[in-house]
């Protein structure tokens, strides 16, 4: 196991470098950040040259990337064009988005897996058909429509929640935004769990456990569910980074100043340092989440061994 973890960590290095290089190149060619600094008026040549030198934009792109990566390993993600450190923006944005992601993942796991197990065990029955139709509707409706409807009904019409979330959002305030963020993933988890449960239910090891007279609950939890969760864990593991990076719509609807909000502002203002810094951290989240998912395979299925 130890050698496998070391090998995976070494494999993450070129992936991280390649991903950050691609992001850096894409962000630097998507527009002129100096034009964004000057607003509607065009900068004069002297001012533009001074700003480029101040932010290191007068150097070749490869040299800018090497300088940036060297600073990243020292914990310096650069400075936004408004003079604020990107790490300061991260310190305020990431805690909110992490809380929002935790709420979304909990809803996704608890509700999605529960519905998936129920429908998988009752395949073809009315409850199965109803849940399938409901998940199809959730997948079909765009997230911004779901968010705006819940905000209008629960926040404006019925007054059950605040239409917008405070700056230091608590877990309680993030339940509805978390539900909106997790809605599509929840539907996929339900369908994935249902399919996996229905397939493994016909397996020989399940029939053998039933023939031995083991209690139904033990057969479902200890035998059927553990093996059925492997594809579900894979999806949820990769979904963690997707939820953090894809929260732009949800955070805009509920006025949450998290990672999505900062990315939106950075792209809108062509603030390359902010965009690259936040996406760099999200790449690390993806890599770590995938490593943890691989390690969980051995926990769920004792037949899996890592050398």
C-alpha atoms as a PDB file:
ATOM      1  CA  UNK A   1       0.000   0.000   0.000  1.00  0.00           C
ATOM      2  CA  UNK A   2       2.791   2.428   0.910  1.00  0.00           C
ATOM      3  CA  UNK A   3       4.599   1.900  -2.385  1.00  0.00           C
ATOM      4  CA  UNK A   4       1.353   2.376  -4.289  1.00  0.00           C
ATOM      5  CA  UNK A   5       0.676   5.695  -2.532  1.00  0.00           C
ATOM      6  CA  UNK A   6       4.218   6.911  -3.276  1.00  0.00           C
ATOM      7  CA  UNK A   7       3.857   5.872  -6.911  1.00  0.00           C
ATOM      8  CA  UNK A   8       0.545   7.679  -7.212  1.00  0.00           C
ATOM      9  CA  UNK A   9       1.983  10.814  -5.621  1.00  0.00           C
ATOM     10  CA  UNK A  10       4.837  10.770  -8.140  1.00  0.00           C
ATOM     11  CA  UNK A  11       2.320  10.351 -10.976  1.00  0.00           C
ATOM     12  CA  UNK A  12       0.440  13.387  -9.713  1.00  0.00           C
ATOM     13  CA  UNK A  13       3.448  15.662 -10.300  1.00  0.00           C
ATOM     14  CA  UNK A  14       3.427  15.633 -14.152  1.00  0.00           C
ATOM     15  CA  UNK A  15      -0.382  15.758 -14.132  1.00  0.00           C
ATOM     16  CA  UNK A  16      -0.303  18.822 -11.888  1.00  0.00           C
ATOM     17  CA  UNK A  17       2.371  20.547 -13.989  1.00  0.00           C
ATOM     18  CA  UNK A  18       0.573  19.761 -17.254  1.00  0.00           C
ATOM     19  CA  UNK A  19      -2.798  20.930 -15.933  1.00  0.00           C
ATOM     20  CA  UNK A  20      -1.473  24.181 -14.505  1.00  0.00           C
ATOM     21  CA  UNK A  21       0.504  24.868 -17.689  1.00  0.00           C
ATOM     22  CA  UNK A  22      -2.605  24.372 -19.821  1.00  0.00           C
ATOM     23  CA  UNK A  23      -4.661  26.599 -17.521  1.00  0.00           C
ATOM     24  CA  UNK A  24      -1.964  29.269 -17.487  1.00  0.00           C
ATOM     25  CA  UNK A  25      -1.726  29.309 -21.283  1.00  0.00           C
ATOM     26  CA  UNK A  26      -5.508  29.396 -21.762  1.00  0.00           C
ATOM     27  CA  UNK A  27      -5.997  32.235 -19.280  1.00  0.00           C
ATOM     28  CA  UNK A  28      -3.169  34.301 -20.720  1.00  0.00           C
ATOM     29  CA  UNK A  29      -4.456  34.072 -24.290  1.00  0.00           C
ATOM     30  CA  UNK A  30      -8.153  34.620 -23.509  1.00  0.00           C
ATOM     31  CA  UNK A  31      -7.796  38.402 -23.417  1.00  0.00           C
ATOM     32  CA  UNK A  32      -5.734  41.413 -22.516  1.00  0.00           C
ATOM     33  CA  UNK A  33      -5.662  41.881 -18.718  1.00  0.00           C
ATOM     34  CA  UNK A  34      -4.216  45.377 -19.086  1.00  0.00           C
ATOM     35  CA  UNK A  35      -7.295  46.426 -21.062  1.00  0.00           C
ATOM     36  CA  UNK A  36      -9.411  45.120 -18.202  1.00  0.00           C
ATOM     37  CA  UNK A  37      -7.441  47.223 -15.734  1.00  0.00           C
ATOM     38  CA  UNK A  38      -8.088  50.379 -17.671  1.00  0.00           C
ATOM     39  CA  UNK A  39     -11.844  49.825 -17.865  1.00  0.00           C
ATOM     40  CA  UNK A  40     -13.804  51.274 -20.753  1.00  0.00           C
ATOM     41  CA  UNK A  41     -11.056  53.707 -21.694  1.00  0.00           C
ATOM     42  CA  UNK A  42      -8.020  52.424 -23.558  1.00  0.00           C
ATOM     43  CA  UNK A  43      -4.702  52.708 -21.708  1.00  0.00           C
ATOM     44  CA  UNK A  44      -2.059  54.912 -23.239  1.00  0.00           C
ATOM     45  CA  UNK A  45       1.166  53.194 -24.278  1.00  0.00           C
ATOM     46  CA  UNK A  46       3.222  54.432 -21.303  1.00  0.00           C
ATOM     47  CA  UNK A  47       0.636  53.338 -18.723  1.00  0.00           C
ATOM     48  CA  UNK A  48       0.194  49.953 -20.407  1.00  0.00           C
ATOM     49  CA  UNK A  49       3.949  49.366 -20.428  1.00  0.00           C
ATOM     50  CA  UNK A  50       4.245  50.331 -16.767  1.00  0.00           C
ATOM     51  CA  UNK A  51       1.400  48.001 -15.746  1.00  0.00           C
ATOM     52  CA  UNK A  52       2.853  45.123 -17.752  1.00  0.00           C
ATOM     53  CA  UNK A  53       6.218  45.565 -16.078  1.00  0.00           C
ATOM     54  CA  UNK A  54       4.622  45.864 -12.624  1.00  0.00           C
ATOM     55  CA  UNK A  55       2.720  42.587 -12.990  1.00  0.00           C
ATOM     56  CA  UNK A  56       5.436  40.775 -14.972  1.00  0.00           C
ATOM     57  CA  UNK A  57       3.347  40.626 -18.138  1.00  0.00           C
ATOM     58  CA  UNK A  58       6.185  42.025 -20.261  1.00  0.00           C
ATOM     59  CA  UNK A  59       8.080  38.722 -20.012  1.00  0.00           C
ATOM     60  CA  UNK A  60       7.570  35.685 -22.274  1.00  0.00           C
ATOM     61  CA  UNK A  61       4.699  33.382 -21.247  1.00  0.00           C
ATOM     62  CA  UNK A  62       7.034  30.475 -20.434  1.00  0.00           C
ATOM     63  CA  UNK A  63       9.042  32.698 -18.100  1.00  0.00           C
ATOM     64  CA  UNK A  64       5.846  33.965 -16.447  1.00  0.00           C
ATOM     65  CA  UNK A  65       4.794  30.341 -15.870  1.00  0.00           C
ATOM     66  CA  UNK A  66       8.120  29.330 -14.347  1.00  0.00           C
ATOM     67  CA  UNK A  67       8.034  32.362 -12.058  1.00  0.00           C
ATOM     68  CA  UNK A  68       4.460  31.579 -11.061  1.00  0.00           C
ATOM     69  CA  UNK A  69       5.180  27.905 -10.304  1.00  0.00           C
ATOM     70  CA  UNK A  70       8.247  28.852  -8.306  1.00  0.00           C
ATOM     71  CA  UNK A  71       6.114  31.188  -6.189  1.00  0.00           C
ATOM     72  CA  UNK A  72       3.350  28.568  -5.806  1.00  0.00           C
ATOM     73  CA  UNK A  73       5.710  26.135  -4.089  1.00  0.00           C
ATOM     74  CA  UNK A  74       6.489  28.859  -1.552  1.00  0.00           C
ATOM     75  CA  UNK A  75       2.776  29.488  -0.931  1.00  0.00           C
ATOM     76  CA  UNK A  76       2.581  32.675  -3.023  1.00  0.00           C
ATOM     77  CA  UNK A  77      -0.215  32.586  -5.611  1.00  0.00           C
ATOM     78  CA  UNK A  78       0.407  36.105  -6.809  1.00  0.00           C
ATOM     79  CA  UNK A  79      -1.380  39.421  -6.410  1.00  0.00           C
ATOM     80  CA  UNK A  80      -4.701  40.413  -7.932  1.00  0.00           C
ATOM     81  CA  UNK A  81      -4.840  43.542 -10.058  1.00  0.00           C
ATOM     82  CA  UNK A  82      -6.532  45.398  -7.204  1.00  0.00           C
ATOM     83  CA  UNK A  83      -3.416  44.886  -5.085  1.00  0.00           C
ATOM     84  CA  UNK A  84      -4.910  42.173  -2.850  1.00  0.00           C
ATOM     85  CA  UNK A  85      -3.049  38.914  -2.349  1.00  0.00           C
ATOM     86  CA  UNK A  86      -4.703  35.919  -4.025  1.00  0.00           C
ATOM     87  CA  UNK A  87      -4.104  33.914  -0.841  1.00  0.00           C
ATOM     88  CA  UNK A  88      -6.223  36.466   1.044  1.00  0.00           C
ATOM     89  CA  UNK A  89      -9.062  35.948  -1.439  1.00  0.00           C
ATOM     90  CA  UNK A  90      -8.666  32.188  -0.994  1.00  0.00           C
ATOM     91  CA  UNK A  91      -8.795  32.522   2.791  1.00  0.00           C
ATOM     92  CA  UNK A  92     -12.259  34.098   2.548  1.00  0.00           C
ATOM     93  CA  UNK A  93     -13.638  32.122  -0.419  1.00  0.00           C
ATOM     94  CA  UNK A  94     -12.554  28.531   0.156  1.00  0.00           C
ATOM     95  CA  UNK A  95     -14.027  28.066   3.674  1.00  0.00           C
ATOM     96  CA  UNK A  96     -17.477  29.072   2.384  1.00  0.00           C
ATOM     97  CA  UNK A  97     -17.265  26.839  -0.681  1.00  0.00           C
ATOM     98  CA  UNK A  98     -15.896  23.930   1.370  1.00  0.00           C
ATOM     99  CA  UNK A  99     -18.907  24.190   3.708  1.00  0.00           C
ATOM    100  CA  UNK A 100     -21.222  24.372   0.700  1.00  0.00           C
ATOM    101  CA  UNK A 101     -19.517  21.326  -0.866  1.00  0.00           C
ATOM    102  CA  UNK A 102     -19.749  19.343   2.391  1.00  0.00           C
ATOM    103  CA  UNK A 103     -23.494  20.035   2.572  1.00  0.00           C
ATOM    104  CA  UNK A 104     -23.924  19.053  -1.085  1.00  0.00           C
ATOM    105  CA  UNK A 105     -21.870  15.848  -0.712  1.00  0.00           C
ATOM    106  CA  UNK A 106     -23.777  14.788   2.441  1.00  0.00           C
ATOM    107  CA  UNK A 107     -27.115  15.321   0.680  1.00  0.00           C
ATOM    108  CA  UNK A 108     -25.790  13.506  -2.372  1.00  0.00           C
ATOM    109  CA  UNK A 109     -24.589  10.500  -0.347  1.00  0.00           C
ATOM    110  CA  UNK A 110     -27.472  10.162   2.106  1.00  0.00           C
ATOM    111  CA  UNK A 111     -30.389  10.840  -0.234  1.00  0.00           C
ATOM    112  CA  UNK A 112     -28.857   9.494  -3.438  1.00  0.00           C
ATOM    113  CA  UNK A 113     -27.601   6.172  -2.057  1.00  0.00           C
ATOM    114  CA  UNK A 114     -30.761   5.618   0.016  1.00  0.00           C
ATOM    115  CA  UNK A 115     -33.033   6.138  -2.992  1.00  0.00           C
ATOM    116  CA  UNK A 116     -30.708   4.031  -5.135  1.00  0.00           C
ATOM    117  CA  UNK A 117     -30.810   1.092  -2.710  1.00  0.00           C
ATOM    118  CA  UNK A 118     -34.605   1.272  -2.367  1.00  0.00           C
ATOM    119  CA  UNK A 119     -35.203   1.407  -6.124  1.00  0.00           C
ATOM    120  CA  UNK A 120     -32.565  -1.244  -6.808  1.00  0.00           C
ATOM    121  CA  UNK A 121     -34.255  -3.665  -4.430  1.00  0.00           C
ATOM    122  CA  UNK A 122     -37.734  -2.804  -5.756  1.00  0.00           C
ATOM    123  CA  UNK A 123     -36.888  -2.633  -9.433  1.00  0.00           C
ATOM    124  CA  UNK A 124     -39.932  -2.417 -11.691  1.00  0.00           C
ATOM    125  CA  UNK A 125     -42.301  -1.426  -8.896  1.00  0.00           C
ATOM    126  CA  UNK A 126     -44.163   1.919  -8.656  1.00  0.00           C
ATOM    127  CA  UNK A 127     -41.589   3.439  -6.267  1.00  0.00           C
ATOM    128  CA  UNK A 128     -38.822   2.603  -8.744  1.00  0.00           C
ATOM    129  CA  UNK A 129     -40.694   4.170 -11.648  1.00  0.00           C
ATOM    130  CA  UNK A 130     -41.524   7.299  -9.614  1.00  0.00           C
ATOM    131  CA  UNK A 131     -37.911   7.852  -8.537  1.00  0.00           C
ATOM    132  CA  UNK A 132     -36.633   7.305 -12.084  1.00  0.00           C
ATOM    133  CA  UNK A 133     -39.070   9.899 -13.438  1.00  0.00           C
ATOM    134  CA  UNK A 134     -38.133  12.342 -10.671  1.00  0.00           C
ATOM    135  CA  UNK A 135     -34.399  11.962 -11.298  1.00  0.00           C
ATOM    136  CA  UNK A 136     -34.972  12.406 -15.033  1.00  0.00           C
ATOM    137  CA  UNK A 137     -36.760  15.695 -14.362  1.00  0.00           C
ATOM    138  CA  UNK A 138     -33.958  16.873 -12.060  1.00  0.00           C
ATOM    139  CA  UNK A 139     -31.314  16.045 -14.674  1.00  0.00           C
ATOM    140  CA  UNK A 140     -33.312  17.760 -17.432  1.00  0.00           C
ATOM    141  CA  UNK A 141     -33.928  21.047 -15.589  1.00  0.00           C
ATOM    142  CA  UNK A 142     -30.905  23.409 -15.585  1.00  0.00           C
ATOM    143  CA  UNK A 143     -29.394  24.182 -12.190  1.00  0.00           C
ATOM    144  CA  UNK A 144     -30.070  27.912 -12.438  1.00  0.00           C
ATOM    145  CA  UNK A 145     -33.782  27.212 -12.983  1.00  0.00           C
ATOM    146  CA  UNK A 146     -33.928  24.934  -9.922  1.00  0.00           C
ATOM    147  CA  UNK A 147     -32.044  27.481  -7.831  1.00  0.00           C
ATOM    148  CA  UNK A 148     -34.195  30.428  -8.852  1.00  0.00           C
ATOM    149  CA  UNK A 149     -37.426  28.489  -8.267  1.00  0.00           C
ATOM    150  CA  UNK A 150     -36.390  27.363  -4.784  1.00  0.00           C
ATOM    151  CA  UNK A 151     -35.168  30.865  -3.966  1.00  0.00           C
ATOM    152  CA  UNK A 152     -38.482  32.357  -5.132  1.00  0.00           C
ATOM    153  CA  UNK A 153     -40.689  29.834  -3.337  1.00  0.00           C
ATOM    154  CA  UNK A 154     -38.764  29.210  -0.114  1.00  0.00           C
ATOM    155  CA  UNK A 155     -37.216  32.651   0.245  1.00  0.00           C
ATOM    156  CA  UNK A 156     -39.579  35.216  -1.280  1.00  0.00           C
ATOM    157  CA  UNK A 157     -43.040  33.627  -1.253  1.00  0.00           C
ATOM    158  CA  UNK A 158     -42.948  31.474   1.897  1.00  0.00           C
ATOM    159  CA  UNK A 159     -40.119  33.160   3.822  1.00  0.00           C
ATOM    160  CA  UNK A 160     -38.609  29.895   5.048  1.00  0.00           C
ATOM    161  CA  UNK A 161     -35.050  30.878   4.118  1.00  0.00           C
ATOM    162  CA  UNK A 162     -33.085  34.029   3.406  1.00  0.00           C
ATOM    163  CA  UNK A 163     -33.071  34.771  -0.347  1.00  0.00           C
ATOM    164  CA  UNK A 164     -29.352  35.564  -0.092  1.00  0.00           C
ATOM    165  CA  UNK A 165     -26.734  34.045   2.191  1.00  0.00           C
ATOM    166  CA  UNK A 166     -24.591  36.093   4.590  1.00  0.00           C
ATOM    167  CA  UNK A 167     -20.856  36.504   4.015  1.00  0.00           C
ATOM    168  CA  UNK A 168     -19.919  33.995   6.749  1.00  0.00           C
ATOM    169  CA  UNK A 169     -22.509  31.438   5.697  1.00  0.00           C
ATOM    170  CA  UNK A 170     -23.282  28.757   8.268  1.00  0.00           C
ATOM    171  CA  UNK A 171     -24.150  25.149   7.466  1.00  0.00           C
ATOM    172  CA  UNK A 172     -27.808  25.888   8.184  1.00  0.00           C
ATOM    173  CA  UNK A 173     -27.913  28.719   5.647  1.00  0.00           C
ATOM    174  CA  UNK A 174     -26.243  26.495   3.042  1.00  0.00           C
ATOM    175  CA  UNK A 175     -28.753  23.621   3.117  1.00  0.00           C
ATOM    176  CA  UNK A 176     -30.905  24.935   0.254  1.00  0.00           C
ATOM    177  CA  UNK A 177     -27.929  26.130  -1.869  1.00  0.00           C
ATOM    178  CA  UNK A 178     -26.285  22.759  -1.170  1.00  0.00           C
ATOM    179  CA  UNK A 179     -29.414  20.968  -2.347  1.00  0.00           C
ATOM    180  CA  UNK A 180     -29.420  23.014  -5.547  1.00  0.00           C
ATOM    181  CA  UNK A 181     -25.717  22.358  -6.118  1.00  0.00           C
ATOM    182  CA  UNK A 182     -26.092  18.621  -5.484  1.00  0.00           C
ATOM    183  CA  UNK A 183     -29.389  18.127  -7.334  1.00  0.00           C
ATOM    184  CA  UNK A 184     -28.024  16.833 -10.643  1.00  0.00           C
ATOM    185  CA  UNK A 185     -25.265  14.761  -9.010  1.00  0.00           C
ATOM    186  CA  UNK A 186     -27.827  13.356  -6.559  1.00  0.00           C
ATOM    187  CA  UNK A 187     -29.934  12.136  -9.469  1.00  0.00           C
ATOM    188  CA  UNK A 188     -26.921  10.447 -11.075  1.00  0.00           C
ATOM    189  CA  UNK A 189     -25.892   8.824  -7.770  1.00  0.00           C
ATOM    190  CA  UNK A 190     -29.427   7.474  -7.358  1.00  0.00           C
ATOM    191  CA  UNK A 191     -29.468   5.977 -10.831  1.00  0.00           C
ATOM    192  CA  UNK A 192     -25.926   4.610 -10.541  1.00  0.00           C
ATOM    193  CA  UNK A 193     -26.639   2.992  -7.169  1.00  0.00           C
ATOM    194  CA  UNK A 194     -29.916   1.548  -8.437  1.00  0.00           C
ATOM    195  CA  UNK A 195     -28.240  -0.063 -11.462  1.00  0.00           C
ATOM    196  CA  UNK A 196     -25.342  -1.440  -9.428  1.00  0.00           C
ATOM    197  CA  UNK A 197     -27.629  -2.857  -6.720  1.00  0.00           C
ATOM    198  CA  UNK A 198     -29.924  -4.485  -9.302  1.00  0.00           C
ATOM    199  CA  UNK A 199     -26.974  -6.112 -11.103  1.00  0.00           C
ATOM    200  CA  UNK A 200     -25.159  -7.370  -7.988  1.00  0.00           C
ATOM    201  CA  UNK A 201     -28.394  -8.652  -6.486  1.00  0.00           C
ATOM    202  CA  UNK A 202     -28.316 -11.485  -9.023  1.00  0.00           C
ATOM    203  CA  UNK A 203     -24.669 -12.370  -8.262  1.00  0.00           C
ATOM    204  CA  UNK A 204     -23.652 -15.795  -6.939  1.00  0.00           C
ATOM    205  CA  UNK A 205     -22.201 -14.475  -3.677  1.00  0.00           C
ATOM    206  CA  UNK A 206     -25.511 -12.778  -2.817  1.00  0.00           C
ATOM    207  CA  UNK A 207     -27.523 -15.928  -3.571  1.00  0.00           C
ATOM    208  CA  UNK A 208     -25.061 -17.948  -1.486  1.00  0.00           C
ATOM    209  CA  UNK A 209     -25.423 -15.558   1.473  1.00  0.00           C
ATOM    210  CA  UNK A 210     -29.210 -15.802   1.235  1.00  0.00           C
ATOM    211  CA  UNK A 211     -29.047 -19.605   0.979  1.00  0.00           C
ATOM    212  CA  UNK A 212     -26.955 -19.752   4.152  1.00  0.00           C
ATOM    213  CA  UNK A 213     -29.819 -18.085   5.978  1.00  0.00           C
ATOM    214  CA  UNK A 214     -28.071 -14.782   6.755  1.00  0.00           C
ATOM    215  CA  UNK A 215     -30.382 -11.954   7.852  1.00  0.00           C
ATOM    216  CA  UNK A 216     -31.659  -9.815   4.967  1.00  0.00           C
ATOM    217  CA  UNK A 217     -30.183  -6.614   6.435  1.00  0.00           C
ATOM    218  CA  UNK A 218     -26.743  -8.188   6.761  1.00  0.00           C
ATOM    219  CA  UNK A 219     -26.858  -9.487   3.196  1.00  0.00           C
ATOM    220  CA  UNK A 220     -27.738  -6.029   1.893  1.00  0.00           C
ATOM    221  CA  UNK A 221     -25.241  -4.034   3.988  1.00  0.00           C
ATOM    222  CA  UNK A 222     -22.269  -6.403   4.279  1.00  0.00           C
ATOM    223  CA  UNK A 223     -22.391  -8.102   0.879  1.00  0.00           C
ATOM    224  CA  UNK A 224     -24.594  -6.333  -1.649  1.00  0.00           C
ATOM    225  CA  UNK A 225     -24.056  -2.671  -0.757  1.00  0.00           C
ATOM    226  CA  UNK A 226     -20.268  -2.762  -0.300  1.00  0.00           C
ATOM    227  CA  UNK A 227     -19.558  -4.114  -3.773  1.00  0.00           C
ATOM    228  CA  UNK A 228     -22.266  -1.969  -5.346  1.00  0.00           C
ATOM    229  CA  UNK A 229     -20.739   1.246  -3.956  1.00  0.00           C
ATOM    230  CA  UNK A 230     -17.471   1.009  -5.925  1.00  0.00           C
ATOM    231  CA  UNK A 231     -18.753   2.862  -9.049  1.00  0.00           C
ATOM    232  CA  UNK A 232     -20.706   5.253  -6.809  1.00  0.00           C
ATOM    233  CA  UNK A 233     -17.591   6.138  -4.797  1.00  0.00           C
ATOM    234  CA  UNK A 234     -15.739   6.756  -8.066  1.00  0.00           C
ATOM    235  CA  UNK A 235     -18.409   9.211  -9.188  1.00  0.00           C
ATOM    236  CA  UNK A 236     -18.625  11.003  -5.824  1.00  0.00           C
ATOM    237  CA  UNK A 237     -14.831  11.292  -5.565  1.00  0.00           C
ATOM    238  CA  UNK A 238     -14.526  13.008  -8.925  1.00  0.00           C
ATOM    239  CA  UNK A 239     -17.634  15.061  -8.160  1.00  0.00           C
ATOM    240  CA  UNK A 240     -16.021  16.798  -5.151  1.00  0.00           C
ATOM    241  CA  UNK A 241     -13.772  18.953  -7.312  1.00  0.00           C
ATOM    242  CA  UNK A 242     -16.562  19.444  -9.846  1.00  0.00           C
ATOM    243  CA  UNK A 243     -18.901  20.754  -7.145  1.00  0.00           C
ATOM    244  CA  UNK A 244     -16.292  23.207  -5.829  1.00  0.00           C
ATOM    245  CA  UNK A 245     -15.417  24.504  -9.270  1.00  0.00           C
ATOM    246  CA  UNK A 246     -18.928  24.332 -10.667  1.00  0.00           C
ATOM    247  CA  UNK A 247     -20.609  26.313  -7.901  1.00  0.00           C
ATOM    248  CA  UNK A 248     -20.514  29.540  -9.922  1.00  0.00           C
ATOM    249  CA  UNK A 249     -24.224  29.449 -10.807  1.00  0.00           C
ATOM    250  CA  UNK A 250     -25.369  28.442  -7.314  1.00  0.00           C
ATOM    251  CA  UNK A 251     -23.176  31.030  -5.611  1.00  0.00           C
ATOM    252  CA  UNK A 252     -24.385  33.756  -7.947  1.00  0.00           C
ATOM    253  CA  UNK A 253     -28.051  32.910  -7.278  1.00  0.00           C
ATOM    254  CA  UNK A 254     -27.706  32.914  -3.482  1.00  0.00           C
ATOM    255  CA  UNK A 255     -25.041  35.669  -3.380  1.00  0.00           C
ATOM    256  CA  UNK A 256     -22.430  33.383  -1.808  1.00  0.00           C
ATOM    257  CA  UNK A 257     -18.932  34.862  -1.936  1.00  0.00           C
ATOM    258  CA  UNK A 258     -17.066  31.626  -2.461  1.00  0.00           C
ATOM    259  CA  UNK A 259     -14.746  30.114  -5.057  1.00  0.00           C
ATOM    260  CA  UNK A 260     -17.327  30.339  -7.842  1.00  0.00           C
ATOM    261  CA  UNK A 261     -17.927  34.014  -7.125  1.00  0.00           C
ATOM    262  CA  UNK A 262     -14.183  34.810  -7.155  1.00  0.00           C
ATOM    263  CA  UNK A 263     -13.670  32.872 -10.388  1.00  0.00           C
ATOM    264  CA  UNK A 264     -16.559  34.728 -12.005  1.00  0.00           C
ATOM    265  CA  UNK A 265     -15.146  38.076 -10.925  1.00  0.00           C
ATOM    266  CA  UNK A 266     -11.660  37.077 -12.066  1.00  0.00           C
ATOM    267  CA  UNK A 267     -12.862  36.020 -15.519  1.00  0.00           C
ATOM    268  CA  UNK A 268     -15.095  39.091 -15.856  1.00  0.00           C
ATOM    269  CA  UNK A 269     -12.227  41.452 -15.003  1.00  0.00           C
ATOM    270  CA  UNK A 270      -9.609  39.338 -16.843  1.00  0.00           C
ATOM    271  CA  UNK A 271      -7.696  38.994 -13.572  1.00  0.00           C
ATOM    272  CA  UNK A 272      -5.349  36.195 -14.595  1.00  0.00           C
ATOM    273  CA  UNK A 273      -3.633  35.808 -11.218  1.00  0.00           C
ATOM    274  CA  UNK A 274      -6.928  35.175  -9.432  1.00  0.00           C
ATOM    275  CA  UNK A 275      -8.235  32.708 -12.017  1.00  0.00           C
ATOM    276  CA  UNK A 276      -4.986  30.717 -12.280  1.00  0.00           C
ATOM    277  CA  UNK A 277      -4.504  30.661  -8.503  1.00  0.00           C
ATOM    278  CA  UNK A 278      -7.974  29.360  -7.716  1.00  0.00           C
ATOM    279  CA  UNK A 279      -7.948  26.798 -10.522  1.00  0.00           C
ATOM    280  CA  UNK A 280      -4.518  25.569  -9.404  1.00  0.00           C
ATOM    281  CA  UNK A 281      -5.941  24.748  -5.970  1.00  0.00           C
ATOM    282  CA  UNK A 282      -8.954  23.052  -7.589  1.00  0.00           C
ATOM    283  CA  UNK A 283      -6.578  20.856  -9.613  1.00  0.00           C
ATOM    284  CA  UNK A 284      -4.939  19.764  -6.353  1.00  0.00           C
ATOM    285  CA  UNK A 285      -8.388  18.983  -4.926  1.00  0.00           C
ATOM    286  CA  UNK A 286      -9.170  16.791  -7.943  1.00  0.00           C
ATOM    287  CA  UNK A 287      -5.880  14.900  -7.643  1.00  0.00           C
ATOM    288  CA  UNK A 288      -6.186  14.277  -3.899  1.00  0.00           C
ATOM    289  CA  UNK A 289      -9.839  13.218  -4.224  1.00  0.00           C
ATOM    290  CA  UNK A 290      -8.936  10.678  -6.938  1.00  0.00           C
ATOM    291  CA  UNK A 291      -6.159   9.253  -4.755  1.00  0.00           C
ATOM    292  CA  UNK A 292      -8.531   8.854  -1.805  1.00  0.00           C
ATOM    293  CA  UNK A 293     -11.092   7.146  -4.052  1.00  0.00           C
ATOM    294  CA  UNK A 294      -8.497   4.604  -5.197  1.00  0.00           C
ATOM    295  CA  UNK A 295      -7.601   3.844  -1.584  1.00  0.00           C
ATOM    296  CA  UNK A 296     -11.283   3.402  -0.670  1.00  0.00           C
ATOM    297  CA  UNK A 297     -11.603   0.626  -3.240  1.00  0.00           C
ATOM    298  CA  UNK A 298      -9.566  -1.692  -1.009  1.00  0.00           C
ATOM    299  CA  UNK A 299     -11.814  -0.851   1.951  1.00  0.00           C
ATOM    300  CA  UNK A 300     -15.020  -1.616   0.033  1.00  0.00           C
ATOM    301  CA  UNK A 301     -13.724  -4.721  -1.733  1.00  0.00           C
ATOM    302  CA  UNK A 302     -11.200  -6.899   0.198  1.00  0.00           C
ATOM    303  CA  UNK A 303     -10.233  -8.606  -3.077  1.00  0.00           C
ATOM    304  CA  UNK A 304      -8.519  -5.420  -4.252  1.00  0.00           C
ATOM    305  CA  UNK A 305      -4.871  -5.226  -3.201  1.00  0.00           C
ATOM    306  CA  UNK A 306      -2.348  -2.513  -4.042  1.00  0.00           C
ATOM    307  CA  UNK A 307       1.297  -3.474  -4.423  1.00  0.00           C
END
